[in-house]
C-alpha cells in the first residue's frame, strides 16, 4: 500500500476559542486514536490537500513532533456551506491489529456483455475490507472478462487473500445492463 508522510504538531489547548483560532491560521484540528492514547494534533490545510483530494488510499506516516506513528484517514468533517475541512480523524495502525478501510475497486478486462452491446455499470466504487495493514492492497481488482449481458458480480463472489470483505454478500458490485440496441439485436437473431 502507498504511504504518505505528514508532519503534525500536538495541540495542548482545547475548546471552541482555541479551535476557532487554529482554523483562522489555516490549520485543521485532528485526533489520532486507536493506539495507547488519543492525541490531539493540528495540521496545515496545504499539507493534507494531496491526501484528501485523491481516489487513492494511503497509510499515513505521521510525525507528531518527532514521534513516528502509522495511521489511516478514518473520517473527515466538512463545513456544510463553504466545504472547508473542519476536522480529521486518524486511526493508528498497529502491525498485529486488523483495520477496516474502504478500498477502491478497479475493473480489469473487456466484458463479453459490453462487446454484445450492453452497458457496464460499476455499482460500488469502494468495498469495505478488514485486514492487517501489511496485507492491504492499493486497489481491489475484479476481472470482468466473462461477464455477459444481464449478468452481475456480487460481493459474495469476490475473495481476496488475507482480507475479509465486509459489504453485504448480495450487494451488486458491477453489472452489464441490457440496452435497447442489445435487446433488438437479440430479438432479431
Protein backbone atom coordinates (compact mmCIF):
# COMPACT_ATOMS: atom_id res chain seq x y z
CA UNK A 1 0.00 0.00 0.00
CA UNK A 2 1.14 3.53 -0.74
CA UNK A 3 2.37 5.74 2.08
CA UNK A 4 2.01 9.47 2.70
CA UNK A 5 4.34 11.43 5.00
CA UNK A 6 2.66 14.06 7.15
CA UNK A 7 4.11 16.34 9.83
CA UNK A 8 1.64 17.32 12.53
CA UNK A 9 2.02 19.17 15.81
CA UNK A 10 0.42 18.45 19.16
CA UNK A 11 -2.18 20.91 20.36
CA UNK A 12 -2.38 21.43 24.07
CA UNK A 13 -5.36 23.77 24.26
CA UNK A 14 -8.90 22.51 23.69
CA UNK A 15 -12.20 24.34 23.45
CA UNK A 16 -14.14 26.41 20.94
CA UNK A 17 -11.95 29.52 21.14
CA UNK A 18 -8.72 27.58 20.63
CA UNK A 19 -10.19 25.61 17.70
CA UNK A 20 -11.54 28.80 16.09
CA UNK A 21 -8.12 30.47 16.42
CA UNK A 22 -6.47 27.37 14.98
CA UNK A 23 -8.77 27.42 11.93
CA UNK A 24 -8.11 31.15 11.45
CA UNK A 25 -4.43 30.23 10.97
CA UNK A 26 -5.49 27.76 8.21
CA UNK A 27 -4.77 24.81 10.45
CA UNK A 28 -7.05 21.79 10.83
CA UNK A 29 -7.69 20.19 14.23
CA UNK A 30 -7.19 16.41 14.18
CA UNK A 31 -7.31 13.46 16.53
CA UNK A 32 -5.15 10.32 16.42
CA UNK A 33 -6.78 7.36 18.17
CA UNK A 34 -6.59 3.57 18.25
CA UNK A 35 -3.21 3.29 19.92
CA UNK A 36 -2.32 3.54 23.59
CA UNK A 37 -3.74 7.05 23.88
CA UNK A 38 -5.70 9.66 21.97
CA UNK A 39 -3.57 12.54 20.74
CA UNK A 40 -4.97 15.94 19.75
CA UNK A 41 -2.95 17.36 16.85
CA UNK A 42 -3.14 20.06 14.20
CA UNK A 43 -2.04 20.08 10.57
CA UNK A 44 -1.95 22.75 7.85
CA UNK A 45 -4.59 22.67 5.11
CA UNK A 46 -1.90 22.65 2.40
CA UNK A 47 -0.18 19.59 3.90
CA UNK A 48 -3.27 17.35 3.67
CA UNK A 49 -4.57 18.55 0.30
CA UNK A 50 -2.94 15.72 -1.67
CA UNK A 51 -4.02 13.16 0.93
CA UNK A 52 -7.70 14.07 0.87
CA UNK A 53 -8.45 15.06 -2.73
CA UNK A 54 -7.44 11.78 -4.35
CA UNK A 55 -9.22 8.49 -5.01
CA UNK A 56 -6.20 6.59 -3.64
CA UNK A 57 -5.89 5.36 -0.09
CA UNK A 58 -2.72 5.71 1.92
CA UNK A 59 -1.08 4.60 5.11
CA UNK A 60 -0.08 7.91 6.65
CA UNK A 61 3.34 8.15 8.28
CA UNK A 62 2.58 10.70 10.98
CA UNK A 63 5.40 12.62 12.58
CA UNK A 64 3.93 14.08 15.78
CA UNK A 65 6.62 16.48 16.96
CA UNK A 66 9.26 13.86 16.08
CA UNK A 67 7.28 10.83 17.34
CA UNK A 68 6.63 8.48 14.38
CA UNK A 69 3.33 6.60 14.02
CA UNK A 70 1.40 4.98 11.20
CA UNK A 71 -2.29 5.72 10.69
CA UNK A 72 -5.10 5.69 8.16
CA UNK A 73 -7.50 8.51 7.39
CA UNK A 74 -10.73 7.43 9.10
CA UNK A 75 -13.08 10.41 8.91
CA UNK A 76 -13.22 13.98 7.61
CA UNK A 77 -15.75 16.63 8.60
CA UNK A 78 -16.52 19.39 6.09
CA UNK A 79 -18.26 22.72 6.61
CA UNK A 80 -21.76 22.36 5.10
CA UNK A 81 -21.65 25.66 3.17
CA UNK A 82 -18.03 26.53 2.41
CA UNK A 83 -16.75 22.96 2.04
CA UNK A 84 -13.66 23.70 4.16
CA UNK A 85 -12.26 20.87 6.25
CA UNK A 86 -13.30 21.23 9.89
CA UNK A 87 -11.79 18.13 11.50
CA UNK A 88 -9.85 14.95 10.58
CA UNK A 89 -9.75 11.63 12.44
CA UNK A 90 -6.73 9.36 12.06
CA UNK A 91 -6.84 5.72 13.22
CA UNK A 92 -3.44 4.48 14.38
CA UNK A 93 -2.39 1.30 12.61
CA UNK A 94 -0.71 -1.38 14.68
CA UNK A 95 1.07 -4.29 12.92
CA UNK A 96 -0.86 -7.03 14.75
CA UNK A 97 -4.32 -5.37 14.85
CA UNK A 98 -6.69 -5.60 11.84
CA UNK A 99 -8.15 -2.37 10.44
CA UNK A 100 -11.33 -1.72 8.49
CA UNK A 101 -10.98 0.53 5.44
CA UNK A 102 -12.73 1.28 2.15
CA UNK A 103 -10.53 0.31 -0.82
CA UNK A 104 -11.25 1.41 -4.43
CA UNK A 105 -12.42 -1.17 -6.98
CA UNK A 106 -10.64 -1.47 -10.34
CA UNK A 107 -12.18 -3.41 -13.23
CA UNK A 108 -9.89 -5.45 -15.49
CA UNK A 109 -10.58 -6.92 -18.90
CA UNK A 110 -13.18 -6.38 -21.62
CA UNK A 111 -16.62 -7.74 -20.81
CA UNK A 112 -18.36 -10.05 -23.31
CA UNK A 113 -21.65 -8.33 -22.49
CA UNK A 114 -20.28 -4.90 -23.39
CA UNK A 115 -18.96 -6.27 -26.70
CA UNK A 116 -22.50 -7.55 -27.38
CA UNK A 117 -23.95 -4.06 -26.85
CA UNK A 118 -24.57 -3.96 -23.10
CA UNK A 119 -23.76 -1.11 -20.74
CA UNK A 120 -21.22 -1.67 -17.95
CA UNK A 121 -22.24 -0.19 -14.60
CA UNK A 122 -19.94 -0.06 -11.60
CA UNK A 123 -22.37 0.00 -8.66
CA UNK A 124 -19.77 0.13 -5.86
CA UNK A 125 -16.64 2.22 -6.33
CA UNK A 126 -15.18 1.11 -2.98
CA UNK A 127 -15.51 -2.00 -0.84
CA UNK A 128 -15.10 -2.15 2.93
CA UNK A 129 -12.47 -4.70 3.92
CA UNK A 130 -10.79 -5.81 7.15
CA UNK A 131 -7.22 -7.00 7.36
CA UNK A 132 -3.76 -6.34 8.71
CA UNK A 133 -2.06 -3.21 7.39
CA UNK A 134 0.67 -5.24 5.65
CA UNK A 135 -1.99 -7.14 3.65
CA UNK A 136 -3.98 -4.12 2.41
CA UNK A 137 -3.69 -3.56 -1.36
CA UNK A 138 -3.91 -0.20 -3.18
CA UNK A 139 -6.95 -1.39 -5.16
CA UNK A 140 -9.27 -4.39 -5.32
CA UNK A 141 -9.09 -5.83 -8.86
CA UNK A 142 -12.14 -7.51 -10.41
CA UNK A 143 -11.85 -9.42 -13.70
CA UNK A 144 -14.94 -8.77 -15.85
CA UNK A 145 -13.85 -10.64 -18.98
CA UNK A 146 -16.53 -13.36 -18.66
CA UNK A 147 -19.34 -11.00 -17.59
CA UNK A 148 -22.16 -11.43 -20.13
CA UNK A 149 -25.29 -9.45 -20.95
CA UNK A 150 -27.61 -9.06 -17.97
CA UNK A 151 -25.05 -10.64 -15.60
CA UNK A 152 -23.72 -9.23 -12.31
CA UNK A 153 -20.85 -9.77 -9.91
CA UNK A 154 -21.89 -9.71 -6.26
CA UNK A 155 -19.77 -9.13 -3.17
CA UNK A 156 -20.21 -12.77 -2.11
CA UNK A 157 -18.46 -13.94 -5.31
CA UNK A 158 -15.29 -11.98 -4.51
CA UNK A 159 -12.42 -13.19 -2.37
CA UNK A 160 -9.05 -11.67 -1.64
CA UNK A 161 -6.12 -13.24 0.17
CA UNK A 162 -5.87 -12.29 3.87
CA UNK A 163 -8.80 -9.84 3.56
CA UNK A 164 -12.41 -10.07 4.72
CA UNK A 165 -14.93 -8.15 2.57
CA UNK A 166 -17.49 -6.58 4.90
CA UNK A 167 -20.18 -5.40 2.47
CA UNK A 168 -23.45 -7.32 2.19
CA UNK A 169 -22.88 -10.59 0.28
CA UNK A 170 -25.88 -9.98 -2.05
CA UNK A 171 -24.84 -6.40 -2.96
CA UNK A 172 -24.05 -5.94 -6.66
CA UNK A 173 -20.57 -4.57 -7.39
CA UNK A 174 -20.63 -4.49 -11.19
CA UNK A 175 -23.30 -5.30 -13.77
CA UNK A 176 -23.78 -5.37 -17.54
CA UNK A 177 -27.21 -3.93 -18.29
CA UNK A 178 -29.21 -4.72 -21.39
CA UNK A 179 -29.66 -1.72 -23.66
CA UNK A 180 -32.45 -1.23 -26.22
CA UNK A 181 -29.96 -1.87 -29.02
CA UNK A 182 -28.79 -5.13 -27.38
CA UNK A 183 -32.40 -6.30 -26.88
CA UNK A 184 -33.26 -5.52 -30.52
CA UNK A 185 -30.17 -7.41 -31.72
CA UNK A 186 -31.09 -10.41 -29.54
CA UNK A 187 -34.68 -10.44 -30.84
CA UNK A 188 -33.52 -10.18 -34.45
CA UNK A 189 -31.49 -13.40 -34.15
